[in-house]
PDB file of N, CA and C in Angstrom:
ATOM      1  N   MET A   1      29.561 102.032 122.629  1.00  0.00           N
ATOM      2  CA  MET A   1      30.318 103.167 122.157  1.00  0.00           C
ATOM      3  C   MET A   1      31.807 102.835 122.265  1.00  0.00           C
ATOM      4  N   ILE A   2      32.520 103.107 121.186  1.00  0.00           N
ATOM      5  CA  ILE A   2      33.960 102.845 121.148  1.00  0.00           C
ATOM      6  C   ILE A   2      34.689 104.174 121.253  1.00  0.00           C
ATOM      7  N   ASN A   3      35.581 104.293 122.218  1.00  0.00           N
ATOM      8  CA  ASN A   3      36.294 105.547 122.446  1.00  0.00           C
ATOM      9  C   ASN A   3      37.662 105.602 121.784  1.00  0.00           C
ATOM     10  N   ASP A   4      38.142 104.492 121.280  1.00  0.00           N
ATOM     11  CA  ASP A   4      39.445 104.439 120.631  1.00  0.00           C
ATOM     12  C   ASP A   4      39.227 104.512 119.117  1.00  0.00           C
ATOM     13  N   PHE A   5      39.775 105.556 118.462  1.00  0.00           N
ATOM     14  CA  PHE A   5      39.527 105.745 117.041  1.00  0.00           C
ATOM     15  C   PHE A   5      39.977 104.554 116.203  1.00  0.00           C
ATOM     16  N   ASN A   6      41.143 103.979 116.501  1.00  0.00           N
ATOM     17  CA  ASN A   6      41.631 102.847 115.705  1.00  0.00           C
ATOM     18  C   ASN A   6      40.702 101.646 115.814  1.00  0.00           C
ATOM     19  N   VAL A   7      40.186 101.371 116.996  1.00  0.00           N
ATOM     20  CA  VAL A   7      39.245 100.268 117.178  1.00  0.00           C
ATOM     21  C   VAL A   7      37.953 100.585 116.427  1.00  0.00           C
ATOM     22  N   LEU A   8      37.483 101.819 116.529  1.00  0.00           N
ATOM     23  CA  LEU A   8      36.280 102.245 115.819  1.00  0.00           C
ATOM     24  C   LEU A   8      36.448 102.065 114.318  1.00  0.00           C
ATOM     25  N   LEU A   9      37.538 102.559 113.778  1.00  0.00           N
ATOM     26  CA  LEU A   9      37.805 102.482 112.345  1.00  0.00           C
ATOM     27  C   LEU A   9      37.854 101.037 111.865  1.00  0.00           C
ATOM     28  N   HIS A  10      38.602 100.207 112.540  1.00  0.00           N
ATOM     29  CA  HIS A  10      38.747  98.816 112.100  1.00  0.00           C
ATOM     30  C   HIS A  10      37.465  98.018 112.318  1.00  0.00           C
ATOM     31  N   SER A  11      36.688  98.380 113.299  1.00  0.00           N
ATOM     32  CA  SER A  11      35.383  97.732 113.482  1.00  0.00           C
ATOM     33  C   SER A  11      34.470  98.035 112.300  1.00  0.00           C
ATOM     34  N   ALA A  12      34.471  99.279 111.845  1.00  0.00           N
ATOM     35  CA  ALA A  12      33.660  99.641 110.676  1.00  0.00           C
ATOM     36  C   ALA A  12      34.171  98.939 109.423  1.00  0.00           C
ATOM     37  N   ILE A  13      35.472  98.930 109.223  1.00  0.00           N
ATOM     38  CA  ILE A  13      36.052  98.255 108.051  1.00  0.00           C
ATOM     39  C   ILE A  13      35.709  96.767 108.068  1.00  0.00           C
ATOM     40  N   ASP A  14      35.704  96.160 109.243  1.00  0.00           N
ATOM     41  CA  ASP A  14      35.404  94.735 109.369  1.00  0.00           C
ATOM     42  C   ASP A  14      33.913  94.431 109.322  1.00  0.00           C
ATOM     43  N   GLY A  15      33.093  95.462 109.121  1.00  0.00           N
ATOM     44  CA  GLY A  15      31.657  95.249 108.993  1.00  0.00           C
ATOM     45  C   GLY A  15      30.926  95.057 110.302  1.00  0.00           C
ATOM     46  N   GLN A  16      31.522  95.522 111.402  1.00  0.00           N
ATOM     47  CA  GLN A  16      30.915  95.348 112.717  1.00  0.00           C
ATOM     48  C   GLN A  16      29.950  96.464 113.090  1.00  0.00           C
ATOM     49  N   GLY A  17      29.820  97.463 112.237  1.00  0.00           N
ATOM     50  CA  GLY A  17      28.915  98.564 112.529  1.00  0.00           C
ATOM     51  C   GLY A  17      29.282  99.787 111.725  1.00  0.00           C
ATOM     52  N   VAL A  18      28.831 100.916 112.186  1.00  0.00           N
ATOM     53  CA  VAL A  18      29.089 102.178 111.503  1.00  0.00           C
ATOM     54  C   VAL A  18      29.952 103.058 112.408  1.00  0.00           C
ATOM     55  N   ALA A  19      30.572 104.065 111.796  1.00  0.00           N
ATOM     56  CA  ALA A  19      31.447 104.965 112.548  1.00  0.00           C
ATOM     57  C   ALA A  19      31.048 106.405 112.270  1.00  0.00           C
ATOM     58  N   LEU A  20      31.026 107.203 113.302  1.00  0.00           N
ATOM     59  CA  LEU A  20      30.804 108.640 113.171  1.00  0.00           C
ATOM     60  C   LEU A  20      32.120 109.325 113.481  1.00  0.00           C
ATOM     61  N   CYS A  21      32.704 109.987 112.486  1.00  0.00           N
ATOM     62  CA  CYS A  21      33.963 110.674 112.716  1.00  0.00           C
ATOM     63  C   CYS A  21      34.247 111.636 111.569  1.00  0.00           C
ATOM     64  N   GLY A  22      35.303 112.414 111.740  1.00  0.00           N
ATOM     65  CA  GLY A  22      35.668 113.403 110.749  1.00  0.00           C
ATOM     66  C   GLY A  22      36.076 112.769 109.428  1.00  0.00           C
ATOM     67  N   LEU A  23      35.599 113.365 108.343  1.00  0.00           N
ATOM     68  CA  LEU A  23      35.859 112.841 107.008  1.00  0.00           C
ATOM     69  C   LEU A  23      37.351 112.766 106.700  1.00  0.00           C
ATOM     70  N   GLU A  24      38.092 113.767 107.127  1.00  0.00           N
ATOM     71  CA  GLU A  24      39.521 113.782 106.819  1.00  0.00           C
ATOM     72  C   GLU A  24      40.246 112.580 107.420  1.00  0.00           C
ATOM     73  N   MET A  25      39.708 112.015 108.473  1.00  0.00           N
ATOM     74  CA  MET A  25      40.330 110.861 109.119  1.00  0.00           C
ATOM     75  C   MET A  25      40.083 109.570 108.337  1.00  0.00           C
ATOM     76  N   LEU A  26      39.102 109.595 107.449  1.00  0.00           N
ATOM     77  CA  LEU A  26      38.682 108.389 106.739  1.00  0.00           C
ATOM     78  C   LEU A  26      38.914 108.438 105.242  1.00  0.00           C
ATOM     79  N   GLN A  27      39.339 109.568 104.727  1.00  0.00           N
ATOM     80  CA  GLN A  27      39.372 109.763 103.284  1.00  0.00           C
ATOM     81  C   GLN A  27      40.139 108.667 102.554  1.00  0.00           C
ATOM     82  N   ASP A  28      41.287 108.259 103.058  1.00  0.00           N
ATOM     83  CA  ASP A  28      42.060 107.199 102.393  1.00  0.00           C
ATOM     84  C   ASP A  28      41.266 105.900 102.313  1.00  0.00           C
ATOM     85  N   HIS A  29      40.521 105.578 103.360  1.00  0.00           N
ATOM     86  CA  HIS A  29      39.721 104.350 103.370  1.00  0.00           C
ATOM     87  C   HIS A  29      38.530 104.472 102.440  1.00  0.00           C
ATOM     88  N   LEU A  30      37.962 105.657 102.333  1.00  0.00           N
ATOM     89  CA  LEU A  30      36.876 105.883 101.378  1.00  0.00           C
ATOM     90  C   LEU A  30      37.402 105.769  99.952  1.00  0.00           C
ATOM     91  N   ASP A  31      38.543 106.375  99.679  1.00  0.00           N
ATOM     92  CA  ASP A  31      39.144 106.318  98.346  1.00  0.00           C
ATOM     93  C   ASP A  31      39.476 104.889  97.937  1.00  0.00           C
ATOM     94  N   ALA A  32      39.911 104.075  98.895  1.00  0.00           N
ATOM     95  CA  ALA A  32      40.267 102.683  98.624  1.00  0.00           C
ATOM     96  C   ALA A  32      39.054 101.759  98.665  1.00  0.00           C
ATOM     97  N   GLU A  33      37.871 102.320  98.922  1.00  0.00           N
ATOM     98  CA  GLU A  33      36.602 101.590  98.978  1.00  0.00           C
ATOM     99  C   GLU A  33      36.566 100.532 100.079  1.00  0.00           C
ATOM    100  N   ARG A  34      37.347 100.749 101.121  1.00  0.00           N
ATOM    101  CA  ARG A  34      37.230  99.898 102.306  1.00  0.00           C
ATOM    102  C   ARG A  34      36.023 100.330 103.136  1.00  0.00           C
ATOM    103  N   LEU A  35      35.662 101.607 102.986  1.00  0.00           N
ATOM    104  CA  LEU A  35      34.479 102.172 103.644  1.00  0.00           C
ATOM    105  C   LEU A  35      33.702 102.975 102.616  1.00  0.00           C
ATOM    106  N   THR A  36      32.436 103.206 102.903  1.00  0.00           N
ATOM    107  CA  THR A  36      31.625 104.066 102.056  1.00  0.00           C
ATOM    108  C   THR A  36      30.784 104.973 102.945  1.00  0.00           C
ATOM    109  N   ARG A  37      30.481 106.155 102.440  1.00  0.00           N
ATOM    110  CA  ARG A  37      29.603 107.052 103.188  1.00  0.00           C
ATOM    111  C   ARG A  37      28.216 106.450 103.199  1.00  0.00           C
ATOM    112  N   LEU A  38      27.590 106.487 104.341  1.00  0.00           N
ATOM    113  CA  LEU A  38      26.277 105.878 104.495  1.00  0.00           C
ATOM    114  C   LEU A  38      25.194 106.701 103.817  1.00  0.00           C
ATOM    115  N   PHE A  39      25.362 108.016 103.769  1.00  0.00           N
ATOM    116  CA  PHE A  39      24.404 108.874 103.080  1.00  0.00           C
ATOM    117  C   PHE A  39      25.120 110.123 102.583  1.00  0.00           C
ATOM    118  N   ASP A  40      24.489 110.855 101.700  1.00  0.00           N
ATOM    119  CA  ASP A  40      25.132 111.961 101.010  1.00  0.00           C
ATOM    120  C   ASP A  40      24.896 113.311 101.672  1.00  0.00           C
ATOM    121  N   TYR A  41      25.056 113.380 102.972  1.00  0.00           N
ATOM    122  CA  TYR A  41      24.869 114.628 103.687  1.00  0.00           C
ATOM    123  C   TYR A  41      26.132 114.979 104.449  1.00  0.00           C
ATOM    124  N   THR A  42      26.417 116.262 104.492  1.00  0.00           N
ATOM    125  CA  THR A  42      27.481 116.768 105.339  1.00  0.00           C
ATOM    126  C   THR A  42      26.813 117.583 106.431  1.00  0.00           C
ATOM    127  N   PHE A  43      27.107 117.279 107.660  1.00  0.00           N
ATOM    128  CA  PHE A  43      26.505 117.958 108.791  1.00  0.00           C
ATOM    129  C   PHE A  43      27.489 118.956 109.376  1.00  0.00           C
ATOM    130  N   THR A  44      27.006 120.149 109.631  1.00  0.00           N
ATOM    131  CA  THR A  44      27.830 121.192 110.211  1.00  0.00           C
ATOM    132  C   THR A  44      27.479 121.333 111.685  1.00  0.00           C
ATOM    133  N   SER A  45      28.482 121.222 112.516  1.00  0.00           N
ATOM    134  CA  SER A  45      28.286 121.402 113.949  1.00  0.00           C
ATOM    135  C   SER A  45      29.624 121.817 114.544  1.00  0.00           C
ATOM    136  N   ASP A  46      29.647 122.021 115.843  1.00  0.00           N
ATOM    137  CA  ASP A  46      30.901 122.372 116.486  1.00  0.00           C
ATOM    138  C   ASP A  46      31.943 121.272 116.306  1.00  0.00           C
ATOM    139  N   GLY A  47      31.507 120.048 116.165  1.00  0.00           N
ATOM    140  CA  GLY A  47      32.369 118.910 115.884  1.00  0.00           C
ATOM    141  C   GLY A  47      31.727 118.113 114.765  1.00  0.00           C
ATOM    142  N   ALA A  48      32.229 118.210 113.552  1.00  0.00           N
ATOM    143  CA  ALA A  48      31.614 117.537 112.408  1.00  0.00           C
ATOM    144  C   ALA A  48      31.856 116.033 112.462  1.00  0.00           C
ATOM    145  N   TYR A  49      30.846 115.271 112.106  1.00  0.00           N
ATOM    146  CA  TYR A  49      30.928 113.820 112.071  1.00  0.00           C
ATOM    147  C   TYR A  49      30.321 113.303 110.780  1.00  0.00           C
ATOM    148  N   TYR A  50      30.793 112.138 110.351  1.00  0.00           N
ATOM    149  CA  TYR A  50      30.261 111.461 109.178  1.00  0.00           C
ATOM    150  C   TYR A  50      30.012 110.024 109.576  1.00  0.00           C
ATOM    151  N   ILE A  51      29.013 109.432 109.004  1.00  0.00           N
ATOM    152  CA  ILE A  51      28.762 108.023 109.278  1.00  0.00           C
ATOM    153  C   ILE A  51      29.194 107.246 108.043  1.00  0.00           C
ATOM    154  N   VAL A  52      30.002 106.238 108.251  1.00  0.00           N
ATOM    155  CA  VAL A  52      30.520 105.436 107.149  1.00  0.00           C
ATOM    156  C   VAL A  52      30.383 103.966 107.503  1.00  0.00           C
ATOM    157  N   CYS A  53      30.320 103.138 106.479  1.00  0.00           N
ATOM    158  CA  CYS A  53      30.199 101.699 106.683  1.00  0.00           C
ATOM    159  C   CYS A  53      30.616 100.991 105.410  1.00  0.00           C
ATOM    160  N   PRO A  54      30.855  99.692 105.468  1.00  0.00           N
ATOM    161  CA  PRO A  54      31.118  98.956 104.246  1.00  0.00           C
ATOM    162  C   PRO A  54      29.906  99.070 103.312  1.00  0.00           C
ATOM    163  N   LEU A  55      30.157  99.124 102.013  1.00  0.00           N
ATOM    164  CA  LEU A  55      29.090  99.327 101.035  1.00  0.00           C
ATOM    165  C   LEU A  55      27.964  98.313 101.178  1.00  0.00           C
ATOM    166  N   ASP A  56      28.285  97.046 101.408  1.00  0.00           N
ATOM    167  CA  ASP A  56      27.238  96.028 101.511  1.00  0.00           C
ATOM    168  C   ASP A  56      26.365  96.181 102.759  1.00  0.00           C
ATOM    169  N   ALA A  57      26.841  96.951 103.743  1.00  0.00           N
ATOM    170  CA  ALA A  57      26.036  97.173 104.947  1.00  0.00           C
ATOM    171  C   ALA A  57      24.780  97.983 104.632  1.00  0.00           C
ATOM    172  N   LEU A  58      24.799  98.733 103.535  1.00  0.00           N
ATOM    173  CA  LEU A  58      23.623  99.518 103.156  1.00  0.00           C
ATOM    174  C   LEU A  58      22.429  98.634 102.819  1.00  0.00           C
ATOM    175  N   GLU A  59      22.670  97.367 102.573  1.00  0.00           N
ATOM    176  CA  GLU A  59      21.588  96.420 102.275  1.00  0.00           C
ATOM    177  C   GLU A  59      20.899  95.931 103.547  1.00  0.00           C
ATOM    178  N   ARG A  60      21.501  96.154 104.685  1.00  0.00           N
ATOM    179  CA  ARG A  60      20.923  95.690 105.947  1.00  0.00           C
ATOM    180  C   ARG A  60      19.812  96.634 106.399  1.00  0.00           C
ATOM    181  N   PRO A  61      18.624  96.103 106.669  1.00  0.00           N
ATOM    182  CA  PRO A  61      17.505  96.955 107.083  1.00  0.00           C
ATOM    183  C   PRO A  61      17.810  97.801 108.316  1.00  0.00           C
ATOM    184  N   LEU A  62      18.508  97.258 109.291  1.00  0.00           N
ATOM    185  CA  LEU A  62      18.787  98.031 110.502  1.00  0.00           C
ATOM    186  C   LEU A  62      19.770  99.169 110.239  1.00  0.00           C
ATOM    187  N   VAL A  63      20.698  98.967 109.320  1.00  0.00           N
ATOM    188  CA  VAL A  63      21.630 100.040 108.972  1.00  0.00           C
ATOM    189  C   VAL A  63      20.865 101.165 108.285  1.00  0.00           C
ATOM    190  N   ARG A  64      19.979 100.810 107.345  1.00  0.00           N
ATOM    191  CA  ARG A  64      19.154 101.830 106.679  1.00  0.00           C
ATOM    192  C   ARG A  64      18.263 102.549 107.684  1.00  0.00           C
ATOM    193  N   LEU A  65      17.675 101.804 108.599  1.00  0.00           N
ATOM    194  CA  LEU A  65      16.811 102.403 109.616  1.00  0.00           C
ATOM    195  C   LEU A  65      17.603 103.387 110.473  1.00  0.00           C
ATOM    196  N   PHE A  66      18.803 103.003 110.888  1.00  0.00           N
ATOM    197  CA  PHE A  66      19.657 103.890 111.672  1.00  0.00           C
ATOM    198  C   PHE A  66      20.019 105.136 110.878  1.00  0.00           C
ATOM    199  N   ARG A  67      20.411 104.944 109.617  1.00  0.00           N
ATOM    200  CA  ARG A  67      20.759 106.087 108.769  1.00  0.00           C
ATOM    201  C   ARG A  67      19.592 107.059 108.663  1.00  0.00           C
ATOM    202  N   ASP A  68      18.408 106.543 108.376  1.00  0.00           N
ATOM    203  CA  ASP A  68      17.224 107.401 108.226  1.00  0.00           C
ATOM    204  C   ASP A  68      16.895 108.124 109.525  1.00  0.00           C
ATOM    205  N   TRP A  69      16.995 107.425 110.644  1.00  0.00           N
ATOM    206  CA  TRP A  69      16.735 108.042 111.946  1.00  0.00           C
ATOM    207  C   TRP A  69      17.747 109.155 112.218  1.00  0.00           C
ATOM    208  N   LEU A  70      19.015 108.886 111.939  1.00  0.00           N
ATOM    209  CA  LEU A  70      20.053 109.868 112.207  1.00  0.00           C
ATOM    210  C   LEU A  70      19.848 111.128 111.367  1.00  0.00           C
ATOM    211  N   ILE A  71      19.474 110.969 110.114  1.00  0.00           N
ATOM    212  CA  ILE A  71      19.213 112.125 109.254  1.00  0.00           C
ATOM    213  C   ILE A  71      18.116 112.999 109.854  1.00  0.00           C
ATOM    214  N   VAL A  72      17.037 112.375 110.299  1.00  0.00           N
ATOM    215  CA  VAL A  72      15.927 113.131 110.896  1.00  0.00           C
ATOM    216  C   VAL A  72      16.378 113.843 112.165  1.00  0.00           C
ATOM    217  N   GLU A  73      17.107 113.141 113.015  1.00  0.00           N
ATOM    218  CA  GLU A  73      17.568 113.734 114.271  1.00  0.00           C
ATOM    219  C   GLU A  73      18.493 114.919 114.037  1.00  0.00           C
ATOM    220  N   VAL A  74      19.457 114.752 113.163  1.00  0.00           N
ATOM    221  CA  VAL A  74      20.408 115.828 112.915  1.00  0.00           C
ATOM    222  C   VAL A  74      19.719 116.998 112.227  1.00  0.00           C
ATOM    223  N   ALA A  75      18.836 116.708 111.289  1.00  0.00           N
ATOM    224  CA  ALA A  75      18.131 117.781 110.582  1.00  0.00           C
ATOM    225  C   ALA A  75      17.309 118.640 111.539  1.00  0.00           C
ATOM    226  N   SER A  76      16.847 118.046 112.624  1.00  0.00           N
ATOM    227  CA  SER A  76      16.028 118.808 113.565  1.00  0.00           C
ATOM    228  C   SER A  76      16.865 119.664 114.517  1.00  0.00           C
ATOM    229  N   THR A  77      18.181 119.431 114.559  1.00  0.00           N
ATOM    230  CA  THR A  77      18.993 120.155 115.532  1.00  0.00           C
ATOM    231  C   THR A  77      20.191 120.873 114.921  1.00  0.00           C
ATOM    232  N   GLU A  78      20.570 120.567 113.712  1.00  0.00           N
ATOM    233  CA  GLU A  78      21.780 121.128 113.110  1.00  0.00           C
ATOM    234  C   GLU A  78      21.496 121.664 111.707  1.00  0.00           C
ATOM    235  N   THR A  79      22.400 122.448 111.211  1.00  0.00           N
ATOM    236  CA  THR A  79      22.380 122.871 109.817  1.00  0.00           C
ATOM    237  C   THR A  79      23.099 121.802 109.014  1.00  0.00           C
ATOM    238  N   PHE A  80      22.491 121.348 107.928  1.00  0.00           N
ATOM    239  CA  PHE A  80      23.164 120.348 107.114  1.00  0.00           C
ATOM    240  C   PHE A  80      22.938 120.646 105.643  1.00  0.00           C
ATOM    241  N   SER A  81      23.795 120.082 104.801  1.00  0.00           N
ATOM    242  CA  SER A  81      23.651 120.264 103.361  1.00  0.00           C
ATOM    243  C   SER A  81      23.928 118.941 102.682  1.00  0.00           C
ATOM    244  N   SER A  82      23.302 118.762 101.531  1.00  0.00           N
ATOM    245  CA  SER A  82      23.517 117.556 100.749  1.00  0.00           C
ATOM    246  C   SER A  82      24.766 117.756  99.904  1.00  0.00           C
ATOM    247  N   THR A  83      25.668 116.779  99.938  1.00  0.00           N
ATOM    248  CA  THR A  83      26.878 116.843  99.127  1.00  0.00           C
ATOM    249  C   THR A  83      27.084 115.499  98.470  1.00  0.00           C
ATOM    250  N   PRO A  84      27.657 115.475  97.283  1.00  0.00           N
ATOM    251  CA  PRO A  84      27.895 114.193  96.631  1.00  0.00           C
ATOM    252  C   PRO A  84      28.964 113.403  97.361  1.00  0.00           C
ATOM    253  N   PRO A  85      28.834 112.062  97.393  1.00  0.00           N
ATOM    254  CA  PRO A  85      29.861 111.249  98.046  1.00  0.00           C
ATOM    255  C   PRO A  85      31.155 111.290  97.245  1.00  0.00           C
ATOM    256  N   ASN A  86      32.255 111.013  97.909  1.00  0.00           N
ATOM    257  CA  ASN A  86      33.560 110.982  97.240  1.00  0.00           C
ATOM    258  C   ASN A  86      33.734 109.695  96.492  1.00  0.00           C
TER     259      ASN A  86
END
């Protein structure tokens, strides 16, 4: 777990993993295609988070497995809605 947002952000951009954080903090990187949303869901909670990763990371089986697991976990505990990616 990375507690420093800048380290977290640059680790995701460098393809070292995925990041869970507020969309507004990442929008410029998403717009510039340095990052991509891992799935097309917006989760509503007391602290909203999004998972993002480099686009090519979606081809990795473990990244897909993590994404699918996270969707199931969040769906069982939070209200969520499907939204189109930016």
